[in-house]
C-alpha atoms as a PDB file:
ATOM      1  CA  MET A   1      81.639 157.982 -40.391  1.00  0.00           C
ATOM      2  CA  ALA A   2      79.606 155.012 -39.256  1.00  0.00           C
ATOM      3  CA  GLY A   3      82.053 152.376 -37.935  1.00  0.00           C
ATOM      4  CA  TYR A   4      85.377 150.853 -38.697  1.00  0.00           C
ATOM      5  CA  THR A   5      86.847 150.372 -42.143  1.00  0.00           C
ATOM      6  CA  PRO A   6      87.566 146.785 -43.228  1.00  0.00           C
ATOM      7  CA  ASP A   7      91.286 147.321 -42.565  1.00  0.00           C
ATOM      8  CA  GLU A   8      90.598 148.562 -39.017  1.00  0.00           C
ATOM      9  CA  LYS A   9      88.272 145.613 -38.342  1.00  0.00           C
ATOM     10  CA  LEU A  10      90.944 143.197 -39.526  1.00  0.00           C
ATOM     11  CA  ARG A  11      93.562 144.915 -37.353  1.00  0.00           C
ATOM     12  CA  LEU A  12      91.305 144.756 -34.249  1.00  0.00           C
ATOM     13  CA  GLN A  13      90.569 141.086 -34.889  1.00  0.00           C
ATOM     14  CA  GLN A  14      94.283 140.313 -35.223  1.00  0.00           C
ATOM     15  CA  LEU A  15      95.044 142.207 -32.003  1.00  0.00           C
ATOM     16  CA  GLN A  16      92.343 140.270 -30.140  1.00  0.00           C
ATOM     17  CA  GLN A  17      93.761 136.971 -31.380  1.00  0.00           C
ATOM     18  CA  LEU A  18      97.275 138.006 -30.354  1.00  0.00           C
ATOM     19  CA  ARG A  19      96.074 139.035 -26.881  1.00  0.00           C
ATOM     20  CA  ARG A  20      94.233 135.725 -26.404  1.00  0.00           C
ATOM     21  CA  ARG A  21      97.260 133.732 -27.557  1.00  0.00           C
ATOM     22  CA  TRP A  22      99.547 135.742 -25.255  1.00  0.00           C
ATOM     23  CA  LEU A  23      97.237 135.180 -22.260  1.00  0.00           C
ATOM     24  CA  LYS A  24      97.031 131.464 -23.033  1.00  0.00           C
ATOM     25  CA  ASP A  25     100.845 131.302 -23.185  1.00  0.00           C
ATOM     26  CA  GLN A  26     101.070 132.906 -19.737  1.00  0.00           C
ATOM     27  CA  GLU A  27      99.238 129.986 -18.116  1.00  0.00           C
ATOM     28  CA  LEU A  28     101.590 127.289 -16.915  1.00  0.00           C
ATOM     29  CA  SER A  29     100.745 123.753 -17.808  1.00  0.00           C
ATOM     30  CA  PRO A  30     101.833 120.731 -15.746  1.00  0.00           C
ATOM     31  CA  ARG A  31     104.209 119.884 -18.570  1.00  0.00           C
ATOM     32  CA  GLU A  32     106.214 123.091 -18.179  1.00  0.00           C
ATOM     33  CA  PRO A  33     107.034 123.600 -14.496  1.00  0.00           C
ATOM     34  CA  VAL A  34     108.639 126.831 -13.333  1.00  0.00           C
ATOM     35  CA  LEU A  35     111.619 125.198 -11.622  1.00  0.00           C
ATOM     36  CA  PRO A  36     113.431 122.006 -12.564  1.00  0.00           C
ATOM     37  CA  PRO A  37     112.525 119.020 -10.381  1.00  0.00           C
ATOM     38  CA  GLN A  38     114.786 118.603  -7.368  1.00  0.00           C
ATOM     39  CA  ARG A  39     116.698 115.383  -6.840  1.00  0.00           C
ATOM     40  CA  VAL A  40     115.249 113.493  -3.879  1.00  0.00           C
ATOM     41  CA  TRP A  41     116.913 110.588  -2.087  1.00  0.00           C
ATOM     42  CA  PRO A  42     114.969 107.300  -2.257  1.00  0.00           C
ATOM     43  CA  MET A  43     114.281 107.231   1.485  1.00  0.00           C
ATOM     44  CA  GLU A  44     113.030 110.827   1.442  1.00  0.00           C
ATOM     45  CA  LYS A  45     110.846 110.027  -1.558  1.00  0.00           C
ATOM     46  CA  PHE A  46     109.360 107.073   0.338  1.00  0.00           C
ATOM     47  CA  TRP A  47     108.540 109.159   3.438  1.00  0.00           C
ATOM     48  CA  ASN A  48     107.055 111.994   1.388  1.00  0.00           C
ATOM     49  CA  LYS A  49     104.753 109.548  -0.372  1.00  0.00           C
ATOM     50  CA  PHE A  50     104.014 107.599   2.817  1.00  0.00           C
ATOM     51  CA  LEU A  51     103.066 110.652   4.878  1.00  0.00           C
ATOM     52  CA  ARG A  52     100.940 112.187   2.112  1.00  0.00           C
ATOM     53  CA  ASP A  53      98.268 109.617   2.999  1.00  0.00           C
ATOM     54  CA  GLN A  54      96.521 111.107   6.060  1.00  0.00           C
ATOM     55  CA  THR A  55      95.640 107.886   7.885  1.00  0.00           C
ATOM     56  CA  PRO A  56      96.349 108.401  11.608  1.00  0.00           C
ATOM     57  CA  TRP A  57      98.608 105.399  12.112  1.00  0.00           C
ATOM     58  CA  LYS A  58     101.010 106.663   9.432  1.00  0.00           C
ATOM     59  CA  ASN A  59     101.426 110.071  11.040  1.00  0.00           C
ATOM     60  CA  VAL A  60     102.697 108.655  14.352  1.00  0.00           C
ATOM     61  CA  ILE A  61     106.312 107.726  13.765  1.00  0.00           C
ATOM     62  CA  TYR A  62     107.240 106.884  17.341  1.00  0.00           C
ATOM     63  CA  LYS A  63     105.583 106.869  20.749  1.00  0.00           C
ATOM     64  CA  PRO A  64     107.323 109.231  23.167  1.00  0.00           C
ATOM     65  CA  ARG A  65     108.537 107.637  26.379  1.00  0.00           C
ATOM     66  CA  ILE A  66     107.802 109.468  29.633  1.00  0.00           C
ATOM     67  CA  PHE A  67     109.880 108.724  32.724  1.00  0.00           C
ATOM     68  CA  PRO A  68     109.566 109.944  36.331  1.00  0.00           C
ATOM     69  CA  GLY A  69     111.149 113.368  36.730  1.00  0.00           C
ATOM     70  CA  ASP A  70     110.614 114.385  33.108  1.00  0.00           C
ATOM     71  CA  ILE A  71     109.269 117.881  32.464  1.00  0.00           C
ATOM     72  CA  ILE A  72     106.596 118.415  29.830  1.00  0.00           C
ATOM     73  CA  LEU A  73     107.699 121.464  27.851  1.00  0.00           C
ATOM     74  CA  GLU A  74     104.235 122.733  26.905  1.00  0.00           C
ATOM     75  CA  THR A  75     102.827 122.789  30.449  1.00  0.00           C
ATOM     76  CA  GLY A  76     105.937 122.732  32.655  1.00  0.00           C
ATOM     77  CA  GLU A  77     104.438 119.768  34.523  1.00  0.00           C
ATOM     78  CA  VAL A  78     106.864 117.363  36.224  1.00  0.00           C
ATOM     79  CA  ILE A  79     106.071 113.651  36.000  1.00  0.00           C
ATOM     80  CA  PRO A  80     105.825 112.270  39.568  1.00  0.00           C
ATOM     81  CA  PRO A  81     107.710 109.131  40.634  1.00  0.00           C
ATOM     82  CA  MET A  82     105.980 105.790  40.112  1.00  0.00           C
ATOM     83  CA  LYS A  83     104.390 103.960  43.013  1.00  0.00           C
ATOM     84  CA  GLU A  84     106.162 100.834  44.197  1.00  0.00           C
ATOM     85  CA  PHE A  85     104.136  97.639  44.049  1.00  0.00           C
ATOM     86  CA  PRO A  86     105.983  95.007  46.113  1.00  0.00           C
ATOM     87  CA  ASP A  87     103.772  92.098  45.033  1.00  0.00           C
ATOM     88  CA  GLN A  88     104.255  92.795  41.303  1.00  0.00           C
ATOM     89  CA  HIS A  89     107.575  92.541  39.543  1.00  0.00           C
ATOM     90  CA  HIS A  90     107.966  94.844  36.561  1.00  0.00           C
END
């Protein structure tokens, strides 16, 4: 016997097409997400979009204030008291 019969060739071709179609169906497209989209509050949506841009000034939300006697958690360093300058009022 020297090869497949026409029926066997047709069957193999159909199986290959089915496998390809099945594999293509397994890929998720952007149109069919796995989970439904979560509801996001407008303010949260704004911050998520705002912070996605990686410009440095957008990533600093507030400047931490350091006062005499404060302890820096990372180093354990204590901020010394400020010097008094009698001629300057501050």
